[in-house]
PDB file of N, CA and C in Angstrom:
ATOM      1  N   MET A   1      19.739  13.954  -9.544  1.00  0.00           N
ATOM      2  CA  MET A   1      18.990  12.876 -10.139  1.00  0.00           C
ATOM      3  C   MET A   1      17.598  13.350 -10.509  1.00  0.00           C
ATOM      4  N   SER A   2      17.147  12.952 -11.655  1.00  0.00           N
ATOM      5  CA  SER A   2      15.823  13.385 -12.103  1.00  0.00           C
ATOM      6  C   SER A   2      14.792  12.270 -11.911  1.00  0.00           C
ATOM      7  N   PHE A   3      13.544  12.656 -12.064  1.00  0.00           N
ATOM      8  CA  PHE A   3      12.424  11.728 -11.958  1.00  0.00           C
ATOM      9  C   PHE A   3      11.839  11.496 -13.344  1.00  0.00           C
ATOM     10  N   LEU A   4      11.139  10.377 -13.499  1.00  0.00           N
ATOM     11  CA  LEU A   4      10.489  10.057 -14.764  1.00  0.00           C
ATOM     12  C   LEU A   4       9.405  11.080 -15.086  1.00  0.00           C
ATOM     13  N   THR A   5       8.666  11.514 -14.068  1.00  0.00           N
ATOM     14  CA  THR A   5       7.619  12.524 -14.206  1.00  0.00           C
ATOM     15  C   THR A   5       7.500  13.273 -12.890  1.00  0.00           C
ATOM     16  N   ASN A   6       6.862  14.412 -12.918  1.00  0.00           N
ATOM     17  CA  ASN A   6       6.574  15.144 -11.687  1.00  0.00           C
ATOM     18  C   ASN A   6       5.110  15.014 -11.286  1.00  0.00           C
ATOM     19  N   GLU A   7       4.336  14.260 -12.067  1.00  0.00           N
ATOM     20  CA  GLU A   7       2.907  14.094 -11.807  1.00  0.00           C
ATOM     21  C   GLU A   7       2.675  13.294 -10.525  1.00  0.00           C
ATOM     22  N   LYS A   8       1.487  13.478  -9.947  1.00  0.00           N
ATOM     23  CA  LYS A   8       1.123  12.793  -8.705  1.00  0.00           C
ATOM     24  C   LYS A   8       0.818  11.321  -8.962  1.00  0.00           C
ATOM     25  N   LEU A   9       1.404  10.461  -8.136  1.00  0.00           N
ATOM     26  CA  LEU A   9       1.152   9.023  -8.142  1.00  0.00           C
ATOM     27  C   LEU A   9       0.467   8.665  -6.830  1.00  0.00           C
ATOM     28  N   THR A  10      -0.695   8.031  -6.906  1.00  0.00           N
ATOM     29  CA  THR A  10      -1.396   7.585  -5.704  1.00  0.00           C
ATOM     30  C   THR A  10      -1.326   6.070  -5.621  1.00  0.00           C
ATOM     31  N   ILE A  11      -0.922   5.574  -4.461  1.00  0.00           N
ATOM     32  CA  ILE A  11      -0.856   4.143  -4.214  1.00  0.00           C
ATOM     33  C   ILE A  11      -2.034   3.763  -3.327  1.00  0.00           C
ATOM     34  N   VAL A  12      -2.967   2.991  -3.880  1.00  0.00           N
ATOM     35  CA  VAL A  12      -4.162   2.547  -3.159  1.00  0.00           C
ATOM     36  C   VAL A  12      -3.838   1.228  -2.461  1.00  0.00           C
ATOM     37  N   GLY A  13      -4.176   1.147  -1.183  1.00  0.00           N
ATOM     38  CA  GLY A  13      -3.838  -0.039  -0.403  1.00  0.00           C
ATOM     39  C   GLY A  13      -2.442   0.052   0.171  1.00  0.00           C
ATOM     40  N   ALA A  14      -1.983   1.281   0.401  1.00  0.00           N
ATOM     41  CA  ALA A  14      -0.603   1.520   0.822  1.00  0.00           C
ATOM     42  C   ALA A  14      -0.279   0.979   2.208  1.00  0.00           C
ATOM     43  N   ALA A  15      -1.280   0.726   3.049  1.00  0.00           N
ATOM     44  CA  ALA A  15      -1.012   0.210   4.393  1.00  0.00           C
ATOM     45  C   ALA A  15      -0.707  -1.286   4.383  1.00  0.00           C
ATOM     46  N   GLY A  16      -0.977  -1.954   3.279  1.00  0.00           N
ATOM     47  CA  GLY A  16      -0.706  -3.386   3.180  1.00  0.00           C
ATOM     48  C   GLY A  16       0.721  -3.663   2.738  1.00  0.00           C
ATOM     49  N   MET A  17       1.107  -4.916   2.813  1.00  0.00           N
ATOM     50  CA  MET A  17       2.474  -5.308   2.461  1.00  0.00           C
ATOM     51  C   MET A  17       2.790  -5.002   0.996  1.00  0.00           C
ATOM     52  N   ILE A  18       1.896  -5.364   0.088  1.00  0.00           N
ATOM     53  CA  ILE A  18       2.154  -5.119  -1.333  1.00  0.00           C
ATOM     54  C   ILE A  18       2.163  -3.628  -1.625  1.00  0.00           C
ATOM     55  N   GLY A  19       1.186  -2.893  -1.098  1.00  0.00           N
ATOM     56  CA  GLY A  19       1.121  -1.453  -1.331  1.00  0.00           C
ATOM     57  C   GLY A  19       2.338  -0.716  -0.803  1.00  0.00           C
ATOM     58  N   SER A  20       2.797  -1.082   0.389  1.00  0.00           N
ATOM     59  CA  SER A  20       3.973  -0.408   0.945  1.00  0.00           C
ATOM     60  C   SER A  20       5.218  -0.737   0.131  1.00  0.00           C
ATOM     61  N   ASN A  21       5.308  -1.964  -0.363  1.00  0.00           N
ATOM     62  CA  ASN A  21       6.435  -2.320  -1.235  1.00  0.00           C
ATOM     63  C   ASN A  21       6.378  -1.557  -2.553  1.00  0.00           C
ATOM     64  N   MET A  22       5.163  -1.330  -3.063  1.00  0.00           N
ATOM     65  CA  MET A  22       5.014  -0.541  -4.290  1.00  0.00           C
ATOM     66  C   MET A  22       5.480   0.895  -4.071  1.00  0.00           C
ATOM     67  N   ALA A  23       5.145   1.450  -2.919  1.00  0.00           N
ATOM     68  CA  ALA A  23       5.566   2.820  -2.612  1.00  0.00           C
ATOM     69  C   ALA A  23       7.085   2.914  -2.567  1.00  0.00           C
ATOM     70  N   GLN A  24       7.714   1.959  -1.905  1.00  0.00           N
ATOM     71  CA  GLN A  24       9.169   1.956  -1.817  1.00  0.00           C
ATOM     72  C   GLN A  24       9.797   1.775  -3.198  1.00  0.00           C
ATOM     73  N   THR A  25       9.250   0.885  -3.991  1.00  0.00           N
ATOM     74  CA  THR A  25       9.778   0.648  -5.333  1.00  0.00           C
ATOM     75  C   THR A  25       9.627   1.881  -6.215  1.00  0.00           C
ATOM     76  N   ALA A  26       8.475   2.550  -6.132  1.00  0.00           N
ATOM     77  CA  ALA A  26       8.260   3.771  -6.923  1.00  0.00           C
ATOM     78  C   ALA A  26       9.284   4.836  -6.559  1.00  0.00           C
ATOM     79  N   ALA A  27       9.580   4.952  -5.269  1.00  0.00           N
ATOM     80  CA  ALA A  27      10.575   5.938  -4.832  1.00  0.00           C
ATOM     81  C   ALA A  27      11.978   5.529  -5.280  1.00  0.00           C
ATOM     82  N   MET A  28      12.314   4.254  -5.141  1.00  0.00           N
ATOM     83  CA  MET A  28      13.641   3.778  -5.544  1.00  0.00           C
ATOM     84  C   MET A  28      13.867   3.942  -7.045  1.00  0.00           C
ATOM     85  N   MET A  29      12.801   3.732  -7.829  1.00  0.00           N
ATOM     86  CA  MET A  29      12.908   3.863  -9.283  1.00  0.00           C
ATOM     87  C   MET A  29      12.819   5.316  -9.732  1.00  0.00           C
ATOM     88  N   ARG A  30      12.572   6.208  -8.785  1.00  0.00           N
ATOM     89  CA  ARG A  30      12.476   7.646  -9.046  1.00  0.00           C
ATOM     90  C   ARG A  30      11.410   7.933 -10.110  1.00  0.00           C
ATOM     91  N   LEU A  31      10.235   7.307  -9.925  1.00  0.00           N
ATOM     92  CA  LEU A  31       9.142   7.526 -10.868  1.00  0.00           C
ATOM     93  C   LEU A  31       8.622   8.950 -10.791  1.00  0.00           C
ATOM     94  N   THR A  32       8.435   9.454  -9.573  1.00  0.00           N
ATOM     95  CA  THR A  32       7.919  10.808  -9.358  1.00  0.00           C
ATOM     96  C   THR A  32       8.277  11.255  -7.945  1.00  0.00           C
ATOM     97  N   PRO A  33       8.444  12.549  -7.743  1.00  0.00           N
ATOM     98  CA  PRO A  33       8.684  13.026  -6.385  1.00  0.00           C
ATOM     99  C   PRO A  33       7.388  13.195  -5.592  1.00  0.00           C
ATOM    100  N   ASN A  34       6.254  12.969  -6.219  1.00  0.00           N
ATOM    101  CA  ASN A  34       4.942  13.276  -5.653  1.00  0.00           C
ATOM    102  C   ASN A  34       4.147  11.982  -5.454  1.00  0.00           C
ATOM    103  N   ILE A  35       4.360  11.308  -4.309  1.00  0.00           N
ATOM    104  CA  ILE A  35       3.724  10.019  -4.043  1.00  0.00           C
ATOM    105  C   ILE A  35       2.744  10.151  -2.886  1.00  0.00           C
ATOM    106  N   CYS A  36       1.479   9.852  -3.186  1.00  0.00           N
ATOM    107  CA  CYS A  36       0.416   9.884  -2.175  1.00  0.00           C
ATOM    108  C   CYS A  36       0.065   8.454  -1.781  1.00  0.00           C
ATOM    109  N   LEU A  37       0.083   8.191  -0.486  1.00  0.00           N
ATOM    110  CA  LEU A  37      -0.278   6.884   0.046  1.00  0.00           C
ATOM    111  C   LEU A  37      -1.723   6.942   0.514  1.00  0.00           C
ATOM    112  N   TYR A  38      -2.565   6.038   0.007  1.00  0.00           N
ATOM    113  CA  TYR A  38      -3.977   6.010   0.412  1.00  0.00           C
ATOM    114  C   TYR A  38      -4.352   4.631   0.932  1.00  0.00           C
ATOM    115  N   ASP A  39      -5.082   4.631   2.042  1.00  0.00           N
ATOM    116  CA  ASP A  39      -5.657   3.409   2.593  1.00  0.00           C
ATOM    117  C   ASP A  39      -6.657   3.833   3.654  1.00  0.00           C
ATOM    118  N   PRO A  40      -7.777   3.135   3.798  1.00  0.00           N
ATOM    119  CA  PRO A  40      -8.717   3.497   4.859  1.00  0.00           C
ATOM    120  C   PRO A  40      -8.223   3.101   6.254  1.00  0.00           C
ATOM    121  N   PHE A  41      -7.200   2.258   6.361  1.00  0.00           N
ATOM    122  CA  PHE A  41      -6.645   1.819   7.640  1.00  0.00           C
ATOM    123  C   PHE A  41      -5.623   2.852   8.113  1.00  0.00           C
ATOM    124  N   ALA A  42      -6.107   3.835   8.877  1.00  0.00           N
ATOM    125  CA  ALA A  42      -5.302   5.006   9.239  1.00  0.00           C
ATOM    126  C   ALA A  42      -4.028   4.666  10.007  1.00  0.00           C
ATOM    127  N   LEU A  43      -4.121   3.822  11.012  1.00  0.00           N
ATOM    128  CA  LEU A  43      -2.955   3.534  11.841  1.00  0.00           C
ATOM    129  C   LEU A  43      -1.845   2.878  11.029  1.00  0.00           C
ATOM    130  N   GLY A  44      -2.191   1.890  10.226  1.00  0.00           N
ATOM    131  CA  GLY A  44      -1.200   1.234   9.382  1.00  0.00           C
ATOM    132  C   GLY A  44      -0.631   2.165   8.330  1.00  0.00           C
ATOM    133  N   LEU A  45      -1.480   3.032   7.801  1.00  0.00           N
ATOM    134  CA  LEU A  45      -1.056   3.976   6.770  1.00  0.00           C
ATOM    135  C   LEU A  45      -0.029   4.961   7.314  1.00  0.00           C
ATOM    136  N   GLU A  46      -0.287   5.476   8.503  1.00  0.00           N
ATOM    137  CA  GLU A  46       0.669   6.415   9.103  1.00  0.00           C
ATOM    138  C   GLU A  46       2.012   5.732   9.357  1.00  0.00           C
ATOM    139  N   GLY A  47       1.978   4.459   9.738  1.00  0.00           N
ATOM    140  CA  GLY A  47       3.214   3.711   9.947  1.00  0.00           C
ATOM    141  C   GLY A  47       4.019   3.565   8.664  1.00  0.00           C
ATOM    142  N   VAL A  48       3.349   3.255   7.572  1.00  0.00           N
ATOM    143  CA  VAL A  48       4.025   3.131   6.277  1.00  0.00           C
ATOM    144  C   VAL A  48       4.606   4.477   5.866  1.00  0.00           C
ATOM    145  N   TYR A  49       3.831   5.544   6.057  1.00  0.00           N
ATOM    146  CA  TYR A  49       4.305   6.894   5.730  1.00  0.00           C
ATOM    147  C   TYR A  49       5.599   7.203   6.485  1.00  0.00           C
ATOM    148  N   GLU A  50       5.618   6.926   7.787  1.00  0.00           N
ATOM    149  CA  GLU A  50       6.821   7.196   8.590  1.00  0.00           C
ATOM    150  C   GLU A  50       8.000   6.348   8.116  1.00  0.00           C
ATOM    151  N   GLU A  51       7.753   5.096   7.783  1.00  0.00           N
ATOM    152  CA  GLU A  51       8.826   4.239   7.270  1.00  0.00           C
ATOM    153  C   GLU A  51       9.408   4.795   5.975  1.00  0.00           C
ATOM    154  N   MET A  52       8.548   5.237   5.068  1.00  0.00           N
ATOM    155  CA  MET A  52       9.023   5.787   3.795  1.00  0.00           C
ATOM    156  C   MET A  52       9.848   7.055   4.033  1.00  0.00           C
ATOM    157  N   ARG A  53       9.383   7.906   4.930  1.00  0.00           N
ATOM    158  CA  ARG A  53      10.128   9.134   5.240  1.00  0.00           C
ATOM    159  C   ARG A  53      11.503   8.810   5.820  1.00  0.00           C
ATOM    160  N   HIS A  54      11.571   7.798   6.667  1.00  0.00           N
ATOM    161  CA  HIS A  54      12.839   7.449   7.309  1.00  0.00           C
ATOM    162  C   HIS A  54      13.812   6.765   6.359  1.00  0.00           C
ATOM    163  N   CYS A  55      13.319   6.297   5.226  1.00  0.00           N
ATOM    164  CA  CYS A  55      14.211   5.700   4.222  1.00  0.00           C
ATOM    165  C   CYS A  55      15.096   6.757   3.566  1.00  0.00           C
ATOM    166  N   GLY A  56      14.671   8.001   3.622  1.00  0.00           N
ATOM    167  CA  GLY A  56      15.487   9.093   3.093  1.00  0.00           C
ATOM    168  C   GLY A  56      15.590   9.124   1.579  1.00  0.00           C
ATOM    169  N   PHE A  57      14.487   8.888   0.895  1.00  0.00           N
ATOM    170  CA  PHE A  57      14.499   8.981  -0.565  1.00  0.00           C
ATOM    171  C   PHE A  57      14.618  10.453  -0.953  1.00  0.00           C
ATOM    172  N   GLU A  58      15.772  10.821  -1.450  1.00  0.00           N
ATOM    173  CA  GLU A  58      16.064  12.221  -1.760  1.00  0.00           C
ATOM    174  C   GLU A  58      15.091  12.788  -2.787  1.00  0.00           C
ATOM    175  N   GLY A  59      14.468  13.899  -2.418  1.00  0.00           N
ATOM    176  CA  GLY A  59      13.588  14.615  -3.326  1.00  0.00           C
ATOM    177  C   GLY A  59      12.170  14.086  -3.410  1.00  0.00           C
ATOM    178  N   VAL A  60      11.866  12.974  -2.738  1.00  0.00           N
ATOM    179  CA  VAL A  60      10.519  12.397  -2.797  1.00  0.00           C
ATOM    180  C   VAL A  60       9.670  12.971  -1.665  1.00  0.00           C
ATOM    181  N   ASP A  61       8.507  13.486  -2.034  1.00  0.00           N
ATOM    182  CA  ASP A  61       7.567  14.045  -1.064  1.00  0.00           C
ATOM    183  C   ASP A  61       6.406  13.068  -0.904  1.00  0.00           C
ATOM    184  N   PHE A  62       6.446  12.281   0.168  1.00  0.00           N
ATOM    185  CA  PHE A  62       5.349  11.364   0.470  1.00  0.00           C
ATOM    186  C   PHE A  62       4.260  12.114   1.218  1.00  0.00           C
ATOM    187  N   THR A  63       3.014  11.869   0.847  1.00  0.00           N
ATOM    188  CA  THR A  63       1.869  12.343   1.608  1.00  0.00           C
ATOM    189  C   THR A  63       0.991  11.126   1.862  1.00  0.00           C
ATOM    190  N   PHE A  64       0.081  11.243   2.830  1.00  0.00           N
ATOM    191  CA  PHE A  64      -0.828  10.123   3.079  1.00  0.00           C
ATOM    192  C   PHE A  64      -2.193  10.647   3.489  1.00  0.00           C
ATOM    193  N   THR A  65      -3.222   9.865   3.183  1.00  0.00           N
ATOM    194  CA  THR A  65      -4.584  10.246   3.529  1.00  0.00           C
ATOM    195  C   THR A  65      -5.481   9.016   3.573  1.00  0.00           C
ATOM    196  N   THR A  66      -6.530   9.116   4.379  1.00  0.00           N
ATOM    197  CA  THR A  66      -7.572   8.086   4.404  1.00  0.00           C
ATOM    198  C   THR A  66      -8.809   8.567   3.653  1.00  0.00           C
ATOM    199  N   ASP A  67      -8.722   9.750   3.070  1.00  0.00           N
ATOM    200  CA  ASP A  67      -9.842  10.354   2.326  1.00  0.00           C
ATOM    201  C   ASP A  67      -9.642  10.091   0.832  1.00  0.00           C
ATOM    202  N   ILE A  68     -10.527   9.294   0.252  1.00  0.00           N
ATOM    203  CA  ILE A  68     -10.381   8.895  -1.148  1.00  0.00           C
ATOM    204  C   ILE A  68     -10.408  10.090  -2.098  1.00  0.00           C
ATOM    205  N   LYS A  69     -11.255  11.076  -1.827  1.00  0.00           N
ATOM    206  CA  LYS A  69     -11.325  12.252  -2.707  1.00  0.00           C
ATOM    207  C   LYS A  69     -10.025  13.043  -2.650  1.00  0.00           C
ATOM    208  N   GLU A  70      -9.484  13.199  -1.456  1.00  0.00           N
ATOM    209  CA  GLU A  70      -8.204  13.898  -1.312  1.00  0.00           C
ATOM    210  C   GLU A  70      -7.096  13.128  -2.027  1.00  0.00           C
ATOM    211  N   ALA A  71      -7.115  11.815  -1.894  1.00  0.00           N
ATOM    212  CA  ALA A  71      -6.080  10.992  -2.521  1.00  0.00           C
ATOM    213  C   ALA A  71      -6.073  11.146  -4.036  1.00  0.00           C
ATOM    214  N   PHE A  72      -7.265  11.199  -4.643  1.00  0.00           N
ATOM    215  CA  PHE A  72      -7.335  11.245  -6.097  1.00  0.00           C
ATOM    216  C   PHE A  72      -7.327  12.648  -6.682  1.00  0.00           C
ATOM    217  N   THR A  73      -7.438  13.672  -5.866  1.00  0.00           N
ATOM    218  CA  THR A  73      -7.370  15.036  -6.385  1.00  0.00           C
ATOM    219  C   THR A  73      -5.986  15.282  -6.982  1.00  0.00           C
ATOM    220  N   GLY A  74      -5.948  15.579  -8.255  1.00  0.00           N
ATOM    221  CA  GLY A  74      -4.690  15.860  -8.942  1.00  0.00           C
ATOM    222  C   GLY A  74      -3.887  14.628  -9.326  1.00  0.00           C
ATOM    223  N   THR A  75      -4.415  13.455  -9.073  1.00  0.00           N
ATOM    224  CA  THR A  75      -3.685  12.222  -9.390  1.00  0.00           C
ATOM    225  C   THR A  75      -3.653  11.987 -10.894  1.00  0.00           C
ATOM    226  N   LYS A  76      -2.475  11.742 -11.400  1.00  0.00           N
ATOM    227  CA  LYS A  76      -2.294  11.413 -12.813  1.00  0.00           C
ATOM    228  C   LYS A  76      -2.111   9.902 -12.989  1.00  0.00           C
ATOM    229  N   TYR A  77      -1.456   9.270 -12.017  1.00  0.00           N
ATOM    230  CA  TYR A  77      -1.193   7.834 -12.071  1.00  0.00           C
ATOM    231  C   TYR A  77      -1.649   7.182 -10.765  1.00  0.00           C
ATOM    232  N   MET A  78      -2.139   5.944 -10.886  1.00  0.00           N
ATOM    233  CA  MET A  78      -2.610   5.223  -9.714  1.00  0.00           C
ATOM    234  C   MET A  78      -2.163   3.769  -9.797  1.00  0.00           C
ATOM    235  N   ILE A  79      -1.691   3.259  -8.675  1.00  0.00           N
ATOM    236  CA  ILE A  79      -1.361   1.845  -8.541  1.00  0.00           C
ATOM    237  C   ILE A  79      -2.261   1.314  -7.435  1.00  0.00           C
ATOM    238  N   SER A  80      -2.979   0.244  -7.702  1.00  0.00           N
ATOM    239  CA  SER A  80      -3.899  -0.290  -6.697  1.00  0.00           C
ATOM    240  C   SER A  80      -3.526  -1.704  -6.292  1.00  0.00           C
ATOM    241  N   SER A  81      -3.352  -1.874  -4.999  1.00  0.00           N
ATOM    242  CA  SER A  81      -3.209  -3.218  -4.431  1.00  0.00           C
ATOM    243  C   SER A  81      -4.280  -3.408  -3.368  1.00  0.00           C
ATOM    244  N   GLY A  82      -5.232  -2.476  -3.339  1.00  0.00           N
ATOM    245  CA  GLY A  82      -6.273  -2.511  -2.313  1.00  0.00           C
ATOM    246  C   GLY A  82      -7.296  -3.598  -2.571  1.00  0.00           C
ATOM    247  N   GLY A  83      -7.774  -4.165  -1.507  1.00  0.00           N
ATOM    248  CA  GLY A  83      -8.803  -5.188  -1.596  1.00  0.00           C
ATOM    249  C   GLY A  83      -8.851  -5.980  -0.310  1.00  0.00           C
ATOM    250  N   ALA A  84      -9.871  -6.762  -0.180  1.00  0.00           N
ATOM    251  CA  ALA A  84     -10.028  -7.589   1.013  1.00  0.00           C
ATOM    252  C   ALA A  84      -9.294  -8.914   0.829  1.00  0.00           C
ATOM    253  N   PRO A  85      -8.742  -9.459   1.896  1.00  0.00           N
ATOM    254  CA  PRO A  85      -8.091 -10.763   1.787  1.00  0.00           C
ATOM    255  C   PRO A  85      -9.115 -11.891   1.736  1.00  0.00           C
ATOM    256  N   ARG A  86      -8.714 -12.995   1.190  1.00  0.00           N
ATOM    257  CA  ARG A  86      -9.583 -14.175   1.131  1.00  0.00           C
ATOM    258  C   ARG A  86      -9.692 -14.786   2.527  1.00  0.00           C
ATOM    259  N   LYS A  87     -10.917 -15.100   2.938  1.00  0.00           N
ATOM    260  CA  LYS A  87     -11.165 -15.672   4.261  1.00  0.00           C
ATOM    261  C   LYS A  87     -11.546 -17.142   4.132  1.00  0.00           C
ATOM    262  N   ASP A  88     -11.464 -17.852   5.254  1.00  0.00           N
ATOM    263  CA  ASP A  88     -11.830 -19.269   5.267  1.00  0.00           C
ATOM    264  C   ASP A  88     -13.235 -19.460   4.712  1.00  0.00           C
ATOM    265  N   GLY A  89     -13.384 -20.432   3.842  1.00  0.00           N
ATOM    266  CA  GLY A  89     -14.685 -20.754   3.283  1.00  0.00           C
ATOM    267  C   GLY A  89     -15.070 -19.949   2.057  1.00  0.00           C
ATOM    268  N   MET A  90     -14.277 -18.932   1.711  1.00  0.00           N
ATOM    269  CA  MET A  90     -14.580 -18.110   0.534  1.00  0.00           C
ATOM    270  C   MET A  90     -14.049 -18.782  -0.724  1.00  0.00           C
ATOM    271  N   THR A  91     -14.825 -18.699  -1.776  1.00  0.00           N
ATOM    272  CA  THR A  91     -14.335 -19.136  -3.077  1.00  0.00           C
ATOM    273  C   THR A  91     -13.625 -17.950  -3.729  1.00  0.00           C
ATOM    274  N   ARG A  92     -12.915 -18.207  -4.777  1.00  0.00           N
ATOM    275  CA  ARG A  92     -12.275 -17.110  -5.518  1.00  0.00           C
ATOM    276  C   ARG A  92     -13.330 -16.183  -6.109  1.00  0.00           C
ATOM    277  N   GLU A  93     -14.467 -16.744  -6.474  1.00  0.00           N
ATOM    278  CA  GLU A  93     -15.563 -15.929  -7.010  1.00  0.00           C
ATOM    279  C   GLU A  93     -16.109 -14.984  -5.940  1.00  0.00           C
ATOM    280  N   ASP A  94     -16.225 -15.485  -4.686  1.00  0.00           N
ATOM    281  CA  ASP A  94     -16.666 -14.632  -3.575  1.00  0.00           C
ATOM    282  C   ASP A  94     -15.692 -13.467  -3.392  1.00  0.00           C
ATOM    283  N   LEU A  95     -14.407 -13.790  -3.423  1.00  0.00           N
ATOM    284  CA  LEU A  95     -13.380 -12.765  -3.252  1.00  0.00           C
ATOM    285  C   LEU A  95     -13.430 -11.751  -4.388  1.00  0.00           C
ATOM    286  N   LEU A  96     -13.580 -12.234  -5.615  1.00  0.00           N
ATOM    287  CA  LEU A  96     -13.654 -11.347  -6.776  1.00  0.00           C
ATOM    288  C   LEU A  96     -14.844 -10.402  -6.664  1.00  0.00           C
ATOM    289  N   LYS A  97     -15.996 -10.926  -6.262  1.00  0.00           N
ATOM    290  CA  LYS A  97     -17.189 -10.086  -6.128  1.00  0.00           C
ATOM    291  C   LYS A  97     -16.963  -8.978  -5.100  1.00  0.00           C
ATOM    292  N   GLY A  98     -16.436  -9.343  -3.941  1.00  0.00           N
ATOM    293  CA  GLY A  98     -16.178  -8.346  -2.901  1.00  0.00           C
ATOM    294  C   GLY A  98     -15.157  -7.309  -3.327  1.00  0.00           C
ATOM    295  N   ASN A  99     -14.086  -7.750  -3.959  1.00  0.00           N
ATOM    296  CA  ASN A  99     -13.051  -6.813  -4.389  1.00  0.00           C
ATOM    297  C   ASN A  99     -13.507  -5.967  -5.569  1.00  0.00           C
ATOM    298  N   ALA A 100     -14.415  -6.491  -6.392  1.00  0.00           N
ATOM    299  CA  ALA A 100     -14.977  -5.684  -7.484  1.00  0.00           C
ATOM    300  C   ALA A 100     -15.782  -4.520  -6.912  1.00  0.00           C
ATOM    301  N   GLU A 101     -16.481  -4.765  -5.815  1.00  0.00           N
ATOM    302  CA  GLU A 101     -17.233  -3.688  -5.161  1.00  0.00           C
ATOM    303  C   GLU A 101     -16.287  -2.629  -4.605  1.00  0.00           C
ATOM    304  N   ILE A 102     -15.163  -3.062  -4.045  1.00  0.00           N
ATOM    305  CA  ILE A 102     -14.159  -2.112  -3.547  1.00  0.00           C
ATOM    306  C   ILE A 102     -13.600  -1.290  -4.707  1.00  0.00           C
ATOM    307  N   ALA A 103     -13.262  -1.951  -5.812  1.00  0.00           N
ATOM    308  CA  ALA A 103     -12.717  -1.249  -6.979  1.00  0.00           C
ATOM    309  C   ALA A 103     -13.722  -0.257  -7.544  1.00  0.00           C
ATOM    310  N   ALA A 104     -15.004  -0.600  -7.533  1.00  0.00           N
ATOM    311  CA  ALA A 104     -16.037   0.303  -8.051  1.00  0.00           C
ATOM    312  C   ALA A 104     -16.095   1.595  -7.244  1.00  0.00           C
ATOM    313  N   GLN A 105     -15.800   1.521  -5.963  1.00  0.00           N
ATOM    314  CA  GLN A 105     -15.798   2.719  -5.120  1.00  0.00           C
ATOM    315  C   GLN A 105     -14.680   3.683  -5.510  1.00  0.00           C
ATOM    316  N   LEU A 106     -13.634   3.159  -6.133  1.00  0.00           N
ATOM    317  CA  LEU A 106     -12.514   4.007  -6.542  1.00  0.00           C
ATOM    318  C   LEU A 106     -12.853   4.842  -7.772  1.00  0.00           C
ATOM    319  N   GLY A 107     -13.899   4.437  -8.483  1.00  0.00           N
ATOM    320  CA  GLY A 107     -14.316   5.186  -9.670  1.00  0.00           C
ATOM    321  C   GLY A 107     -13.606   4.689 -10.843  1.00  0.00           C
TER     322      GLY A 107
END
């Protein structure tokens, strides 16, 4: 079975539910064998990495890192689900402002 590309795909926010589902979907769709999982939440990220490895996606090489520079080195494609969740008392504008600051850090 072939892949759509061999280029590196980085999934930002991979420790979250949406990010981990994106990683699994990318592997199932055979987008690339080179999938990097990035999230600053190290413990959750390592758990997602282990789950993906145990799924046995043939030919897919998952890597993971909490270092943003390492994650984006050589990255050709990026999927981002990273951001802060909405908290009690926050407006959508408050959430947008906070998440815009997070997105700006990604470059």
